N, C-alpha and C. Protein backbone atom coordinates (compact mmCIF):
# COMPACT_ATOMS: atom_id res chain seq x y z
N MET A 1 111.14 129.93 197.50
CA MET A 1 112.15 130.23 196.50
C MET A 1 111.51 130.30 195.12
N ALA A 2 110.53 129.45 194.88
CA ALA A 2 109.88 129.45 193.57
C ALA A 2 109.14 130.77 193.33
N LYS A 3 108.50 131.30 194.40
CA LYS A 3 107.80 132.58 194.25
C LYS A 3 108.78 133.69 193.91
N PHE A 4 109.93 133.69 194.61
CA PHE A 4 110.93 134.73 194.35
C PHE A 4 111.45 134.60 192.93
N HIS A 5 111.69 133.37 192.49
CA HIS A 5 112.17 133.15 191.13
C HIS A 5 111.16 133.70 190.13
N GLY A 6 109.88 133.47 190.39
CA GLY A 6 108.84 133.99 189.50
C GLY A 6 108.81 135.51 189.48
N ARG A 7 108.94 136.11 190.65
CA ARG A 7 108.95 137.58 190.73
C ARG A 7 110.18 138.16 190.04
N LEU A 8 111.31 137.51 190.26
CA LEU A 8 112.54 137.97 189.63
C LEU A 8 112.43 137.87 188.11
N ARG A 9 111.86 136.79 187.63
CA ARG A 9 111.69 136.59 186.19
C ARG A 9 110.74 137.65 185.62
N GLN A 10 109.63 137.87 186.31
CA GLN A 10 108.66 138.87 185.86
C GLN A 10 109.28 140.26 185.83
N TRP A 11 110.05 140.57 186.86
CA TRP A 11 110.73 141.86 186.93
C TRP A 11 111.69 142.00 185.75
N TRP A 12 112.44 140.95 185.46
CA TRP A 12 113.42 140.97 184.38
C TRP A 12 112.74 141.21 183.03
N ILE A 13 111.63 140.56 182.82
CA ILE A 13 110.91 140.71 181.55
C ILE A 13 110.39 142.13 181.39
N THR A 14 109.87 142.71 182.49
CA THR A 14 109.29 144.06 182.39
C THR A 14 110.35 145.16 182.29
N LEU A 15 111.61 144.84 182.49
CA LEU A 15 112.65 145.86 182.41
C LEU A 15 112.81 146.42 181.00
N GLY A 16 112.67 145.58 180.04
CA GLY A 16 112.92 146.01 178.67
C GLY A 16 114.38 145.76 178.31
N SER A 17 114.66 145.76 177.02
CA SER A 17 115.99 145.35 176.55
C SER A 17 117.09 146.33 176.96
N TYR A 18 116.80 147.64 176.99
CA TYR A 18 117.84 148.61 177.34
C TYR A 18 118.29 148.44 178.79
N ARG A 19 117.34 148.36 179.71
CA ARG A 19 117.70 148.18 181.13
C ARG A 19 118.34 146.82 181.38
N GLN A 20 117.88 145.80 180.67
CA GLN A 20 118.50 144.48 180.81
C GLN A 20 119.96 144.55 180.40
N LEU A 21 120.24 145.27 179.33
CA LEU A 21 121.62 145.43 178.87
C LEU A 21 122.45 146.17 179.91
N GLN A 22 121.89 147.23 180.51
CA GLN A 22 122.61 147.96 181.56
C GLN A 22 122.97 147.03 182.72
N ILE A 23 122.04 146.22 183.14
CA ILE A 23 122.28 145.32 184.27
C ILE A 23 123.30 144.25 183.89
N ARG A 24 123.22 143.74 182.67
CA ARG A 24 124.18 142.73 182.23
C ARG A 24 125.61 143.28 182.21
N GLN A 25 125.73 144.58 182.00
CA GLN A 25 127.04 145.21 181.94
C GLN A 25 127.48 145.78 183.29
N ALA A 26 126.89 145.30 184.35
CA ALA A 26 127.30 145.74 185.69
C ALA A 26 128.78 145.45 185.87
N PRO A 27 129.53 146.38 186.47
CA PRO A 27 130.98 146.22 186.59
C PRO A 27 131.40 145.01 187.44
N THR A 28 130.62 144.68 188.44
CA THR A 28 130.97 143.54 189.30
C THR A 28 129.70 142.79 189.68
N ILE A 29 129.89 141.57 190.14
CA ILE A 29 128.77 140.77 190.64
C ILE A 29 128.16 141.46 191.86
N ASP A 30 129.01 142.05 192.70
CA ASP A 30 128.53 142.75 193.90
C ASP A 30 127.57 143.88 193.54
N SER A 31 127.91 144.63 192.51
CA SER A 31 127.03 145.74 192.12
C SER A 31 125.71 145.22 191.55
N LEU A 32 125.76 144.09 190.86
CA LEU A 32 124.55 143.47 190.34
C LEU A 32 123.65 143.02 191.49
N ILE A 33 124.23 142.34 192.46
CA ILE A 33 123.46 141.86 193.61
C ILE A 33 122.93 143.04 194.42
N ALA A 34 123.74 144.08 194.57
CA ALA A 34 123.29 145.27 195.30
C ALA A 34 122.10 145.92 194.59
N TYR A 35 122.14 145.96 193.27
CA TYR A 35 121.03 146.54 192.51
C TYR A 35 119.74 145.73 192.74
N ILE A 36 119.85 144.41 192.65
CA ILE A 36 118.68 143.55 192.86
C ILE A 36 118.19 143.66 194.31
N HIS A 37 119.12 143.69 195.24
CA HIS A 37 118.76 143.83 196.66
C HIS A 37 117.99 145.12 196.88
N ASN A 38 118.49 146.22 196.35
CA ASN A 38 117.83 147.52 196.50
C ASN A 38 116.44 147.51 195.87
N LYS A 39 116.30 146.84 194.76
CA LYS A 39 115.02 146.80 194.06
C LYS A 39 113.97 146.04 194.86
N PHE A 40 114.35 144.90 195.44
CA PHE A 40 113.37 144.05 196.12
C PHE A 40 113.30 144.25 197.63
N LEU A 41 114.40 144.60 198.26
CA LEU A 41 114.43 144.68 199.73
C LEU A 41 114.71 146.08 200.26
N GLY A 42 115.18 146.95 199.43
CA GLY A 42 115.52 148.30 199.88
C GLY A 42 117.02 148.43 200.07
N ALA A 43 117.42 149.63 200.42
CA ALA A 43 118.85 149.93 200.56
C ALA A 43 119.46 149.18 201.73
N LEU A 44 120.63 148.62 201.52
CA LEU A 44 121.33 147.86 202.54
C LEU A 44 121.71 148.75 203.72
N GLU A 45 121.96 150.03 203.47
CA GLU A 45 122.34 150.96 204.53
C GLU A 45 121.25 151.05 205.60
N TYR A 46 119.99 150.94 205.19
CA TYR A 46 118.89 150.99 206.15
C TYR A 46 119.01 149.84 207.15
N TYR A 47 119.28 148.65 206.65
CA TYR A 47 119.39 147.48 207.52
C TYR A 47 120.61 147.58 208.43
N THR A 48 121.69 148.12 207.91
CA THR A 48 122.89 148.30 208.72
C THR A 48 122.64 149.30 209.84
N THR A 49 121.99 150.40 209.51
CA THR A 49 121.67 151.42 210.52
C THR A 49 120.73 150.85 211.57
N GLN A 50 119.74 150.11 211.13
CA GLN A 50 118.79 149.51 212.07
C GLN A 50 119.49 148.50 212.99
N ALA A 51 120.35 147.66 212.42
CA ALA A 51 121.08 146.67 213.23
C ALA A 51 121.99 147.36 214.23
N ARG A 52 122.62 148.44 213.83
CA ARG A 52 123.51 149.18 214.74
C ARG A 52 122.71 149.78 215.90
N GLU A 53 121.56 150.36 215.60
CA GLU A 53 120.71 150.92 216.65
C GLU A 53 120.24 149.85 217.63
N GLU A 54 119.86 148.69 217.10
CA GLU A 54 119.44 147.58 217.96
C GLU A 54 120.60 147.10 218.82
N TYR A 55 121.79 147.04 218.23
CA TYR A 55 122.98 146.62 218.98
C TYR A 55 123.25 147.57 220.14
N LEU A 56 123.19 148.86 219.85
CA LEU A 56 123.48 149.86 220.88
C LEU A 56 122.43 149.88 221.98
N ALA A 57 121.23 149.38 221.69
CA ALA A 57 120.15 149.37 222.68
C ALA A 57 120.13 148.08 223.52
N MET A 58 120.92 147.08 223.16
CA MET A 58 120.91 145.81 223.90
C MET A 58 121.43 146.02 225.31
N LYS A 59 120.79 145.34 226.26
CA LYS A 59 121.20 145.42 227.67
C LYS A 59 121.10 144.03 228.29
N CYS A 60 121.92 143.81 229.29
CA CYS A 60 121.85 142.60 230.10
C CYS A 60 121.75 143.05 231.56
N CYS A 61 120.70 142.65 232.22
CA CYS A 61 120.48 143.08 233.60
C CYS A 61 120.84 142.00 234.61
N SER A 62 121.32 140.88 234.13
CA SER A 62 121.58 139.74 235.00
C SER A 62 123.07 139.60 235.30
N PHE A 63 123.35 139.08 236.48
CA PHE A 63 124.72 138.76 236.86
C PHE A 63 124.99 137.27 236.71
N LYS A 64 124.02 136.51 236.23
CA LYS A 64 124.21 135.07 236.06
C LYS A 64 125.11 134.82 234.86
N ARG A 65 126.04 133.92 235.06
CA ARG A 65 127.02 133.63 234.01
C ARG A 65 126.33 133.14 232.73
N LYS A 66 125.32 132.30 232.89
CA LYS A 66 124.59 131.75 231.75
C LYS A 66 123.92 132.88 230.95
N ASP A 67 123.29 133.82 231.65
CA ASP A 67 122.64 134.95 230.98
C ASP A 67 123.66 135.86 230.29
N LEU A 68 124.80 136.06 230.95
CA LEU A 68 125.86 136.87 230.33
C LEU A 68 126.39 136.19 229.07
N GLY A 69 126.48 134.86 229.10
CA GLY A 69 126.91 134.11 227.92
C GLY A 69 125.94 134.26 226.76
N LYS A 70 124.65 134.17 227.06
CA LYS A 70 123.63 134.35 226.02
C LYS A 70 123.67 135.78 225.47
N HIS A 71 123.85 136.72 226.38
CA HIS A 71 123.94 138.13 225.97
C HIS A 71 125.14 138.34 225.05
N TYR A 72 126.27 137.75 225.42
CA TYR A 72 127.47 137.87 224.58
C TYR A 72 127.23 137.26 223.20
N GLU A 73 126.63 136.06 223.17
CA GLU A 73 126.38 135.39 221.89
C GLU A 73 125.48 136.25 221.00
N ARG A 74 124.43 136.81 221.59
CA ARG A 74 123.50 137.64 220.82
C ARG A 74 124.21 138.89 220.29
N MET A 75 124.99 139.52 221.16
CA MET A 75 125.68 140.74 220.73
C MET A 75 126.81 140.45 219.75
N SER A 76 127.49 139.31 219.92
CA SER A 76 128.62 139.02 219.03
C SER A 76 128.17 138.79 217.59
N LYS A 77 127.00 138.18 217.41
CA LYS A 77 126.49 137.98 216.05
C LYS A 77 126.33 139.33 215.34
N THR A 78 125.72 140.27 216.04
CA THR A 78 125.51 141.59 215.44
C THR A 78 126.83 142.34 215.32
N PHE A 79 127.69 142.20 216.33
CA PHE A 79 129.00 142.86 216.33
C PHE A 79 129.79 142.51 215.07
N TYR A 80 129.89 141.22 214.76
CA TYR A 80 130.66 140.80 213.59
C TYR A 80 129.92 141.12 212.29
N ALA A 81 128.59 141.07 212.30
CA ALA A 81 127.82 141.43 211.10
C ALA A 81 128.02 142.90 210.75
N LEU A 82 128.20 143.73 211.78
CA LEU A 82 128.42 145.16 211.55
C LEU A 82 129.88 145.48 211.23
N GLY A 83 130.74 144.48 211.23
CA GLY A 83 132.16 144.71 210.97
C GLY A 83 132.82 145.41 212.14
N GLY A 84 132.45 145.03 213.34
CA GLY A 84 132.90 145.71 214.53
C GLY A 84 134.31 145.43 214.99
N ILE A 85 135.04 144.60 214.28
CA ILE A 85 136.39 144.22 214.71
C ILE A 85 137.25 145.45 214.98
N ASP A 86 137.13 146.46 214.14
CA ASP A 86 137.95 147.66 214.30
C ASP A 86 137.16 148.84 214.88
N ASP A 87 135.96 148.59 215.37
CA ASP A 87 135.10 149.67 215.87
C ASP A 87 135.09 149.67 217.40
N VAL A 88 135.85 150.57 217.99
CA VAL A 88 135.95 150.67 219.45
C VAL A 88 134.58 151.00 220.05
N ASN A 89 133.78 151.78 219.35
CA ASN A 89 132.48 152.17 219.87
C ASN A 89 131.57 150.96 220.11
N LEU A 90 131.66 149.95 219.24
CA LEU A 90 130.83 148.76 219.42
C LEU A 90 131.32 147.93 220.61
N LYS A 91 132.62 147.91 220.83
CA LYS A 91 133.15 147.21 222.01
C LYS A 91 132.73 147.96 223.27
N GLN A 92 132.79 149.27 223.23
CA GLN A 92 132.37 150.08 224.37
C GLN A 92 130.88 149.89 224.63
N ALA A 93 130.10 149.76 223.57
CA ALA A 93 128.66 149.53 223.73
C ALA A 93 128.39 148.21 224.44
N TYR A 94 129.23 147.20 224.15
CA TYR A 94 129.09 145.93 224.86
C TYR A 94 129.33 146.14 226.35
N LEU A 95 130.39 146.85 226.69
CA LEU A 95 130.66 147.13 228.11
C LEU A 95 129.50 147.90 228.75
N ASN A 96 128.97 148.87 228.04
CA ASN A 96 127.86 149.67 228.56
C ASN A 96 126.59 148.86 228.72
N SER A 97 126.49 147.74 228.01
CA SER A 97 125.28 146.92 228.08
C SER A 97 125.26 146.03 229.32
N LEU A 98 126.39 145.93 230.00
CA LEU A 98 126.48 145.09 231.19
C LEU A 98 125.92 145.84 232.40
N PRO A 99 125.53 145.10 233.44
CA PRO A 99 125.10 145.78 234.68
C PRO A 99 126.23 146.69 235.17
N GLU A 100 125.88 147.83 235.73
CA GLU A 100 126.87 148.87 236.05
C GLU A 100 128.06 148.40 236.89
N PRO A 101 127.85 147.66 237.98
CA PRO A 101 129.03 147.22 238.75
C PRO A 101 129.97 146.34 237.92
N LEU A 102 129.38 145.49 237.09
CA LEU A 102 130.20 144.61 236.24
C LEU A 102 130.90 145.41 235.15
N GLU A 103 130.21 146.37 234.60
CA GLU A 103 130.81 147.25 233.59
C GLU A 103 132.03 147.97 234.17
N ASN A 104 131.86 148.54 235.36
CA ASN A 104 132.95 149.27 236.00
C ASN A 104 134.13 148.36 236.32
N GLU A 105 133.84 147.19 236.86
CA GLU A 105 134.92 146.26 237.23
C GLU A 105 135.65 145.74 235.99
N THR A 106 134.90 145.49 234.92
CA THR A 106 135.52 145.04 233.67
C THR A 106 136.43 146.13 233.12
N GLY A 107 135.97 147.36 233.14
CA GLY A 107 136.80 148.49 232.69
C GLY A 107 138.06 148.63 233.51
N ARG A 108 137.92 148.48 234.83
CA ARG A 108 139.10 148.55 235.71
C ARG A 108 140.08 147.42 235.40
N THR A 109 139.55 146.22 235.20
CA THR A 109 140.41 145.07 234.91
C THR A 109 141.14 145.27 233.59
N LEU A 110 140.44 145.76 232.59
CA LEU A 110 141.09 146.04 231.30
C LEU A 110 142.20 147.07 231.47
N SER A 111 141.93 148.12 232.22
CA SER A 111 142.94 149.16 232.46
C SER A 111 144.14 148.63 233.22
N MET A 112 143.89 147.85 234.27
CA MET A 112 144.98 147.30 235.08
C MET A 112 145.89 146.37 234.27
N ASN A 113 145.31 145.70 233.29
CA ASN A 113 146.08 144.79 232.45
C ASN A 113 146.60 145.46 231.19
N ASN A 114 146.50 146.79 231.13
CA ASN A 114 146.96 147.57 229.97
C ASN A 114 146.35 147.06 228.66
N MET A 115 145.07 146.77 228.71
CA MET A 115 144.36 146.29 227.52
C MET A 115 143.45 147.41 227.01
N ALA A 116 143.81 147.99 225.89
CA ALA A 116 142.99 149.04 225.28
C ALA A 116 141.91 148.39 224.43
N LEU A 117 140.74 148.99 224.39
CA LEU A 117 139.63 148.41 223.62
C LEU A 117 139.95 148.28 222.14
N HIS A 118 140.70 149.22 221.59
CA HIS A 118 140.98 149.16 220.15
C HIS A 118 141.92 148.02 219.78
N THR A 119 142.64 147.46 220.74
CA THR A 119 143.54 146.34 220.44
C THR A 119 143.05 145.02 221.03
N THR A 120 142.02 145.07 221.85
CA THR A 120 141.50 143.87 222.50
C THR A 120 140.37 143.29 221.67
N THR A 121 140.36 141.97 221.53
CA THR A 121 139.29 141.33 220.76
C THR A 121 137.98 141.38 221.54
N PHE A 122 136.91 141.25 220.82
CA PHE A 122 135.59 141.25 221.44
C PHE A 122 135.46 140.08 222.41
N ARG A 123 135.97 138.94 222.01
CA ARG A 123 135.92 137.74 222.86
C ARG A 123 136.71 137.98 224.15
N LYS A 124 137.85 138.63 224.04
CA LYS A 124 138.67 138.90 225.22
C LYS A 124 137.97 139.87 226.17
N VAL A 125 137.22 140.82 225.63
CA VAL A 125 136.45 141.73 226.47
C VAL A 125 135.41 140.93 227.25
N TYR A 126 134.76 139.99 226.56
CA TYR A 126 133.78 139.12 227.23
C TYR A 126 134.45 138.29 228.32
N GLN A 127 135.58 137.68 227.99
CA GLN A 127 136.29 136.86 228.98
C GLN A 127 136.72 137.70 230.18
N THR A 128 137.12 138.92 229.93
CA THR A 128 137.50 139.83 231.02
C THR A 128 136.28 140.16 231.88
N SER A 129 135.12 140.29 231.25
CA SER A 129 133.91 140.58 232.03
C SER A 129 133.54 139.39 232.91
N ILE A 130 133.78 138.18 232.44
CA ILE A 130 133.51 136.98 233.25
C ILE A 130 134.49 136.93 234.42
N ALA A 131 135.76 137.26 234.17
CA ALA A 131 136.75 137.31 235.25
C ALA A 131 136.37 138.39 236.27
N ALA A 132 135.87 139.52 235.78
CA ALA A 132 135.44 140.59 236.67
C ALA A 132 134.23 140.16 237.50
N LEU A 133 133.35 139.37 236.89
CA LEU A 133 132.20 138.83 237.62
C LEU A 133 132.66 137.94 238.77
N GLU A 134 133.63 137.08 238.48
CA GLU A 134 134.18 136.20 239.52
C GLU A 134 134.77 137.03 240.66
N LYS A 135 135.47 138.08 240.29
CA LYS A 135 136.08 138.95 241.30
C LYS A 135 135.01 139.63 242.16
N LEU A 136 133.94 140.10 241.51
CA LEU A 136 132.85 140.74 242.26
C LEU A 136 132.15 139.76 243.19
N CYS A 137 131.98 138.54 242.73
CA CYS A 137 131.28 137.53 243.53
C CYS A 137 132.12 137.06 244.72
N ASN A 138 133.42 137.13 244.60
CA ASN A 138 134.30 136.68 245.68
C ASN A 138 134.53 137.75 246.74
N HIS A 139 134.09 138.96 246.49
CA HIS A 139 134.28 140.03 247.48
C HIS A 139 133.04 140.25 248.27
């Protein structure tokens, strides 16, 4: 933290009075933080795009309940970070990340219970996949 503070201070000094004044007059705190973030870390959109691509590439090849739980936890962190609550595509990506028989059975179970992805919570989709796993294991 001390190194960052030093870099931030050095950056501030080298800006000059005109640019310092522009930054001080930022319309909101969010825009000020976004400006500093872009300066030191790059555009936030890059990280969002990268996280989305990683999310869409996640897969779970196991039928073990424990592994499915870990997979859900890993995906849910990214899901909520991406603001996926209203994004049906991210919920569908979770279904697609499951082993094919489980994906199909979960989709069937959701359909039979009249549960549309756009109105179903991410947690409920996971719980439905666990119920579908139980159904597959009992047959």
